[in-house]
């Protein structure tokens, strides 16, 4: 039984990392993050072998890279399928899609939360940093922070928008959207 859980952990880790990279590519395109950032370039290089051929068949819808989105959904569905199969649970196609979508939503919430943590830590350690990580974290989270900053300006040099967005992400991920099984 421990060997099975170790195998599931390994599969979840490897597949989860690739799914996160696909979601980062999708989110970076949506927020128009710097394409020439070395991290953006690495993400594009890691995902292009699967995304580029799929783009020839599946066109983008507006600013949404449909090929990348469908690839992330397919990988998440495959991950849920394998984990449920290894644990001996029945798998239905509709249930598989449902759990995969929940998993992707939670992954996106985690990406935004992690990016906000990066911004907070960098503001303490290296304020005004121009590192590639800081710039991408800023570009990714700014669409979430900007509407809050418009209503609640910084007070005494403290930006409360980050705390409000983090609280909203926490509430959304833990209370409004149910958790995924993998």
Protein backbone atom coordinates (compact mmCIF):
# COMPACT_ATOMS: atom_id res chain seq x y z
CA UNK A 1 0.00 0.00 0.00
CA UNK A 2 2.84 2.42 0.78
CA UNK A 3 4.42 1.62 -2.58
CA UNK A 4 1.14 2.51 -4.31
CA UNK A 5 0.91 5.84 -2.45
CA UNK A 6 4.55 6.58 -3.34
CA UNK A 7 3.76 5.88 -7.00
CA UNK A 8 0.68 8.12 -6.83
CA UNK A 9 2.77 10.87 -5.20
CA UNK A 10 5.37 10.61 -7.96
CA UNK A 11 2.74 10.69 -10.73
CA UNK A 12 0.91 13.64 -9.12
CA UNK A 13 4.16 15.58 -8.71
CA UNK A 14 5.44 15.12 -12.25
CA UNK A 15 2.06 15.62 -13.95
CA UNK A 16 1.18 18.49 -11.60
CA UNK A 17 4.38 20.34 -12.49
CA UNK A 18 3.70 20.05 -16.20
CA UNK A 19 0.08 21.10 -15.75
CA UNK A 20 1.27 24.13 -13.75
CA UNK A 21 3.70 25.02 -16.55
CA UNK A 22 0.88 24.78 -19.11
CA UNK A 23 -1.33 26.97 -16.93
CA UNK A 24 1.48 29.51 -16.49
CA UNK A 25 1.84 29.69 -20.27
CA UNK A 26 -1.89 30.27 -20.59
CA UNK A 27 -2.02 32.88 -17.80
CA UNK A 28 1.08 34.72 -19.06
CA UNK A 29 -0.59 35.04 -22.46
CA UNK A 30 -3.83 36.29 -20.90
CA UNK A 31 -2.11 39.01 -18.84
CA UNK A 32 0.28 39.82 -21.69
CA UNK A 33 3.36 39.11 -19.59
CA UNK A 34 6.81 39.84 -21.01
CA UNK A 35 7.43 37.18 -23.65
CA UNK A 36 11.17 37.91 -23.65
CA UNK A 37 11.55 37.17 -19.93
CA UNK A 38 13.88 34.15 -19.53
CA UNK A 39 11.28 32.32 -17.42
CA UNK A 40 8.59 32.92 -20.06
CA UNK A 41 10.98 31.66 -22.70
CA UNK A 42 11.69 28.49 -20.68
CA UNK A 43 7.96 27.85 -20.22
CA UNK A 44 7.35 28.29 -23.95
CA UNK A 45 10.21 25.90 -24.77
CA UNK A 46 8.91 23.25 -22.35
CA UNK A 47 5.36 23.36 -23.67
CA UNK A 48 5.83 24.07 -27.39
CA UNK A 49 6.44 20.45 -28.47
CA UNK A 50 2.85 19.62 -27.50
CA UNK A 51 1.15 23.01 -27.93
CA UNK A 52 2.40 23.98 -31.41
CA UNK A 53 1.07 20.86 -33.22
CA UNK A 54 -2.23 21.22 -31.39
CA UNK A 55 -2.51 24.87 -32.44
CA UNK A 56 -2.56 23.78 -36.07
CA UNK A 57 -5.83 21.99 -35.37
CA UNK A 58 -7.35 24.08 -32.57
CA UNK A 59 -7.47 27.85 -33.17
CA UNK A 60 -7.37 30.42 -30.39
CA UNK A 61 -10.61 32.00 -29.23
CA UNK A 62 -9.90 35.69 -28.73
CA UNK A 63 -6.99 36.02 -26.32
CA UNK A 64 -7.46 32.49 -24.97
CA UNK A 65 -4.92 29.97 -26.24
CA UNK A 66 -7.41 27.15 -26.68
CA UNK A 67 -4.76 24.56 -27.56
CA UNK A 68 -2.89 25.16 -24.29
CA UNK A 69 -6.12 25.16 -22.30
CA UNK A 70 -7.32 21.89 -23.84
CA UNK A 71 -3.91 20.33 -23.30
CA UNK A 72 -3.99 21.32 -19.62
CA UNK A 73 -7.52 19.87 -19.30
CA UNK A 74 -6.41 16.64 -21.01
CA UNK A 75 -3.37 16.26 -18.73
CA UNK A 76 -5.48 16.98 -15.65
CA UNK A 77 -8.10 14.44 -16.77
CA UNK A 78 -5.36 11.88 -17.36
CA UNK A 79 -3.91 12.58 -13.93
CA UNK A 80 -7.30 12.19 -12.23
CA UNK A 81 -7.98 9.01 -14.23
CA UNK A 82 -4.67 7.39 -13.30
CA UNK A 83 -4.89 8.31 -9.62
CA UNK A 84 -8.50 7.12 -9.30
CA UNK A 85 -7.65 3.93 -11.17
CA UNK A 86 -4.64 3.23 -8.92
CA UNK A 87 -6.76 3.81 -5.83
CA UNK A 88 -9.47 1.48 -7.14
CA UNK A 89 -12.26 4.03 -7.55
CA UNK A 90 -14.74 3.86 -10.41
CA UNK A 91 -14.23 6.38 -13.17
CA UNK A 92 -16.97 7.99 -15.24
CA UNK A 93 -16.20 10.35 -18.13
CA UNK A 94 -18.42 13.11 -16.75
CA UNK A 95 -16.98 12.72 -13.24
CA UNK A 96 -13.51 12.76 -14.74
CA UNK A 97 -14.17 16.06 -16.49
CA UNK A 98 -15.72 17.53 -13.33
CA UNK A 99 -12.79 16.60 -11.10
CA UNK A 100 -10.28 17.70 -13.73
CA UNK A 101 -11.88 21.15 -14.02
CA UNK A 102 -11.91 21.52 -10.23
CA UNK A 103 -8.26 20.51 -10.15
CA UNK A 104 -7.36 23.11 -12.78
CA UNK A 105 -9.24 25.84 -10.93
CA UNK A 106 -7.39 24.98 -7.73
CA UNK A 107 -4.08 24.96 -9.62
CA UNK A 108 -4.80 28.44 -10.99
CA UNK A 109 -5.70 29.70 -7.51
CA UNK A 110 -2.46 28.18 -6.20
CA UNK A 111 -0.44 29.87 -8.96
CA UNK A 112 -1.89 33.27 -8.08
CA UNK A 113 -1.36 32.69 -4.35
CA UNK A 114 2.24 31.61 -4.92
CA UNK A 115 2.89 34.66 -7.13
CA UNK A 116 1.48 36.93 -4.40
CA UNK A 117 3.74 35.26 -1.82
CA UNK A 118 6.70 35.92 -4.11
CA UNK A 119 5.74 39.59 -4.34
CA UNK A 120 5.37 39.90 -0.56
CA UNK A 121 8.67 38.17 0.21
CA UNK A 122 10.54 40.16 -2.43
CA UNK A 123 9.08 43.40 -1.07
CA UNK A 124 10.73 42.58 2.27
CA UNK A 125 14.00 41.13 1.00
CA UNK A 126 14.64 43.03 -2.22
CA UNK A 127 12.24 45.92 -2.69
CA UNK A 128 12.16 47.37 -6.20
CA UNK A 129 13.72 44.16 -7.55
CA UNK A 130 13.84 43.86 -11.32
CA UNK A 131 14.51 40.12 -11.37
CA UNK A 132 12.70 38.00 -13.97
CA UNK A 133 10.70 36.23 -11.24
CA UNK A 134 9.60 39.51 -9.66
CA UNK A 135 8.55 41.00 -12.97
CA UNK A 136 6.46 37.96 -13.95
CA UNK A 137 4.86 37.74 -10.49
CA UNK A 138 3.97 41.43 -10.75
CA UNK A 139 2.59 41.10 -14.29
CA UNK A 140 0.58 38.01 -13.34
CA UNK A 141 -1.00 39.44 -10.20
CA UNK A 142 -1.49 43.07 -11.22
CA UNK A 143 -4.88 42.43 -12.92
CA UNK A 144 -6.13 41.06 -9.59
CA UNK A 145 -4.57 43.77 -7.44
CA UNK A 146 -5.38 46.83 -9.54
CA UNK A 147 -9.16 46.92 -8.91
CA UNK A 148 -8.58 46.59 -5.15
CA UNK A 149 -5.90 49.31 -5.16
CA UNK A 150 -8.39 51.60 -6.87
CA UNK A 151 -10.80 51.24 -3.97
CA UNK A 152 -8.33 50.89 -1.06
CA UNK A 153 -5.16 52.92 -1.64
CA UNK A 154 -1.97 52.14 0.30
CA UNK A 155 -2.07 53.46 3.87
CA UNK A 156 1.20 54.51 5.45
CA UNK A 157 3.17 52.64 2.80
CA UNK A 158 1.24 49.40 3.40
CA UNK A 159 -0.56 47.88 0.43
CA UNK A 160 -3.60 46.03 1.75
CA UNK A 161 -4.66 44.87 -1.73
CA UNK A 162 -2.34 41.85 -1.54
CA UNK A 163 -3.89 40.70 1.74
CA UNK A 164 -7.42 41.19 0.42
CA UNK A 165 -6.72 39.25 -2.78
CA UNK A 166 -4.98 36.47 -0.84
CA UNK A 167 -7.95 36.23 1.52
CA UNK A 168 -10.34 36.12 -1.46
CA UNK A 169 -8.28 33.37 -3.12
CA UNK A 170 -8.23 31.41 0.14
CA UNK A 171 -12.00 31.70 0.61
CA UNK A 172 -12.63 30.81 -3.02
CA UNK A 173 -10.36 27.77 -2.93
CA UNK A 174 -11.38 26.41 0.45
CA UNK A 175 -15.02 27.29 0.92
CA UNK A 176 -16.70 28.08 -2.39
CA UNK A 177 -15.09 25.60 -4.79
CA UNK A 178 -14.95 22.04 -3.41
CA UNK A 179 -11.62 20.25 -3.37
CA UNK A 180 -10.49 17.83 -6.05
CA UNK A 181 -9.70 14.16 -5.25
CA UNK A 182 -6.12 14.37 -6.56
